[in-house]
């Protein structure tokens, strides 16, 4: 299991993940941030599990999810999510 954390503008994102054959197969997100709706954190985890560990693919998955579920993360951008995930993947 790989882990990473990132301090964003208004919060801290912490991730633990497992990658096999360039696919994220496990992901747990914690941290100190706001997300609306609150259950969207599980949606993010489920969307990323099964996604390619490629930066472009992760960003595409998150962008689509944010639009589909009207997710709001004040002070944390999609690029912040991608950055912390890539830090963990590349460890």
C-alpha atoms as a PDB file:
ATOM      1  CA  UNK A   1       0.000   0.000   0.000  1.00  0.00           C
ATOM      2  CA  UNK A   2       1.301   3.420  -0.951  1.00  0.00           C
ATOM      3  CA  UNK A   3       0.301   6.660   0.747  1.00  0.00           C
ATOM      4  CA  UNK A   4       0.651  10.388   0.308  1.00  0.00           C
ATOM      5  CA  UNK A   5      -0.756  13.622   1.654  1.00  0.00           C
ATOM      6  CA  UNK A   6      -1.185  17.062   0.165  1.00  0.00           C
ATOM      7  CA  UNK A   7      -1.908  20.411   1.760  1.00  0.00           C
ATOM      8  CA  UNK A   8      -4.294  22.245  -0.573  1.00  0.00           C
ATOM      9  CA  UNK A   9      -5.552  25.823  -0.310  1.00  0.00           C
ATOM     10  CA  UNK A  10      -8.183  24.911   2.293  1.00  0.00           C
ATOM     11  CA  UNK A  11      -7.522  21.432   3.547  1.00  0.00           C
ATOM     12  CA  UNK A  12      -5.362  18.350   3.661  1.00  0.00           C
ATOM     13  CA  UNK A  13      -5.953  15.286   1.493  1.00  0.00           C
ATOM     14  CA  UNK A  14      -4.508  11.936   2.547  1.00  0.00           C
ATOM     15  CA  UNK A  15      -4.684   8.858   0.341  1.00  0.00           C
ATOM     16  CA  UNK A  16      -3.690   5.223   0.660  1.00  0.00           C
ATOM     17  CA  UNK A  17      -3.825   3.117  -2.478  1.00  0.00           C
ATOM     18  CA  UNK A  18      -2.786  -0.071  -4.176  1.00  0.00           C
ATOM     19  CA  UNK A  19      -1.922  -0.234  -7.879  1.00  0.00           C
ATOM     20  CA  UNK A  20      -1.649  -3.465  -9.857  1.00  0.00           C
ATOM     21  CA  UNK A  21      -0.944  -3.630 -13.582  1.00  0.00           C
ATOM     22  CA  UNK A  22      -1.391   0.157 -13.955  1.00  0.00           C
ATOM     23  CA  UNK A  23      -4.863   0.036 -12.363  1.00  0.00           C
ATOM     24  CA  UNK A  24      -5.843   1.439  -8.980  1.00  0.00           C
ATOM     25  CA  UNK A  25      -7.429  -1.490  -7.146  1.00  0.00           C
ATOM     26  CA  UNK A  26      -7.740  -0.073  -3.627  1.00  0.00           C
ATOM     27  CA  UNK A  27      -8.155   3.492  -2.398  1.00  0.00           C
ATOM     28  CA  UNK A  28      -8.912   5.108   0.936  1.00  0.00           C
ATOM     29  CA  UNK A  29      -9.234   8.889   1.211  1.00  0.00           C
ATOM     30  CA  UNK A  30      -9.062  10.775   4.500  1.00  0.00           C
ATOM     31  CA  UNK A  31      -8.022  14.236   5.530  1.00  0.00           C
ATOM     32  CA  UNK A  32      -9.235  17.589   6.715  1.00  0.00           C
ATOM     33  CA  UNK A  33     -11.420  19.148   4.027  1.00  0.00           C
ATOM     34  CA  UNK A  34     -15.023  19.944   3.159  1.00  0.00           C
ATOM     35  CA  UNK A  35     -16.905  18.019   0.476  1.00  0.00           C
ATOM     36  CA  UNK A  36     -20.499  18.395  -0.595  1.00  0.00           C
ATOM     37  CA  UNK A  37     -22.459  16.221  -0.624  1.00  0.00           C
ATOM     38  CA  UNK A  38     -20.677  14.450   2.238  1.00  0.00           C
ATOM     39  CA  UNK A  39     -21.165  10.982   0.745  1.00  0.00           C
ATOM     40  CA  UNK A  40     -19.273  12.112  -2.370  1.00  0.00           C
ATOM     41  CA  UNK A  41     -15.995  10.953  -0.815  1.00  0.00           C
ATOM     42  CA  UNK A  42     -17.172   7.369  -1.287  1.00  0.00           C
ATOM     43  CA  UNK A  43     -18.158   8.238  -4.862  1.00  0.00           C
ATOM     44  CA  UNK A  44     -14.639   9.529  -5.509  1.00  0.00           C
ATOM     45  CA  UNK A  45     -13.088   6.370  -4.059  1.00  0.00           C
ATOM     46  CA  UNK A  46     -15.352   4.100  -6.101  1.00  0.00           C
ATOM     47  CA  UNK A  47     -14.736   6.095  -9.287  1.00  0.00           C
ATOM     48  CA  UNK A  48     -10.956   5.959  -8.926  1.00  0.00           C
ATOM     49  CA  UNK A  49     -10.903   2.239  -8.050  1.00  0.00           C
ATOM     50  CA  UNK A  50     -10.616   0.536 -11.418  1.00  0.00           C
ATOM     51  CA  UNK A  51      -9.250   3.658 -13.092  1.00  0.00           C
ATOM     52  CA  UNK A  52      -5.907   3.594 -14.863  1.00  0.00           C
ATOM     53  CA  UNK A  53      -3.020   4.991 -12.825  1.00  0.00           C
ATOM     54  CA  UNK A  54      -2.351   7.406 -15.687  1.00  0.00           C
ATOM     55  CA  UNK A  55      -2.636  11.088 -14.662  1.00  0.00           C
ATOM     56  CA  UNK A  56      -4.790  12.016 -17.667  1.00  0.00           C
ATOM     57  CA  UNK A  57      -7.232   9.152 -17.009  1.00  0.00           C
ATOM     58  CA  UNK A  58      -7.560   9.991 -13.308  1.00  0.00           C
ATOM     59  CA  UNK A  59      -8.325  13.622 -14.128  1.00  0.00           C
ATOM     60  CA  UNK A  60     -10.929  12.578 -16.719  1.00  0.00           C
ATOM     61  CA  UNK A  61     -12.631  10.232 -14.228  1.00  0.00           C
ATOM     62  CA  UNK A  62     -12.761  12.926 -11.544  1.00  0.00           C
ATOM     63  CA  UNK A  63     -13.944  15.656 -13.916  1.00  0.00           C
ATOM     64  CA  UNK A  64     -16.819  13.495 -15.105  1.00  0.00           C
ATOM     65  CA  UNK A  65     -17.780  12.541 -11.535  1.00  0.00           C
ATOM     66  CA  UNK A  66     -17.710  16.161 -10.292  1.00  0.00           C
ATOM     67  CA  UNK A  67     -20.113  17.157 -13.090  1.00  0.00           C
ATOM     68  CA  UNK A  68     -22.351  14.097 -12.744  1.00  0.00           C
ATOM     69  CA  UNK A  69     -22.752  14.350  -8.942  1.00  0.00           C
ATOM     70  CA  UNK A  70     -22.420  18.171  -8.609  1.00  0.00           C
ATOM     71  CA  UNK A  71     -19.546  17.740  -6.157  1.00  0.00           C
ATOM     72  CA  UNK A  72     -18.114  20.774  -4.405  1.00  0.00           C
ATOM     73  CA  UNK A  73     -14.816  20.772  -2.514  1.00  0.00           C
ATOM     74  CA  UNK A  74     -14.157  24.375  -1.405  1.00  0.00           C
ATOM     75  CA  UNK A  75     -10.433  25.124  -1.582  1.00  0.00           C
ATOM     76  CA  UNK A  76      -9.587  21.753  -3.182  1.00  0.00           C
ATOM     77  CA  UNK A  77      -9.470  21.347  -6.947  1.00  0.00           C
ATOM     78  CA  UNK A  78      -9.544  18.301  -9.181  1.00  0.00           C
ATOM     79  CA  UNK A  79      -5.868  19.004  -9.868  1.00  0.00           C
ATOM     80  CA  UNK A  80      -5.190  18.691  -6.109  1.00  0.00           C
ATOM     81  CA  UNK A  81      -6.804  15.229  -6.089  1.00  0.00           C
ATOM     82  CA  UNK A  82      -4.781  14.209  -9.134  1.00  0.00           C
ATOM     83  CA  UNK A  83      -1.566  15.535  -7.621  1.00  0.00           C
ATOM     84  CA  UNK A  84      -1.891  13.617  -4.332  1.00  0.00           C
ATOM     85  CA  UNK A  85      -2.887  10.437  -6.159  1.00  0.00           C
ATOM     86  CA  UNK A  86       0.120  10.732  -8.493  1.00  0.00           C
ATOM     87  CA  UNK A  87       2.462  11.321  -5.554  1.00  0.00           C
ATOM     88  CA  UNK A  88       1.258   8.067  -3.980  1.00  0.00           C
ATOM     89  CA  UNK A  89       1.339   6.142  -7.266  1.00  0.00           C
ATOM     90  CA  UNK A  90       4.897   7.234  -7.998  1.00  0.00           C
ATOM     91  CA  UNK A  91       6.306   6.270  -4.577  1.00  0.00           C
END
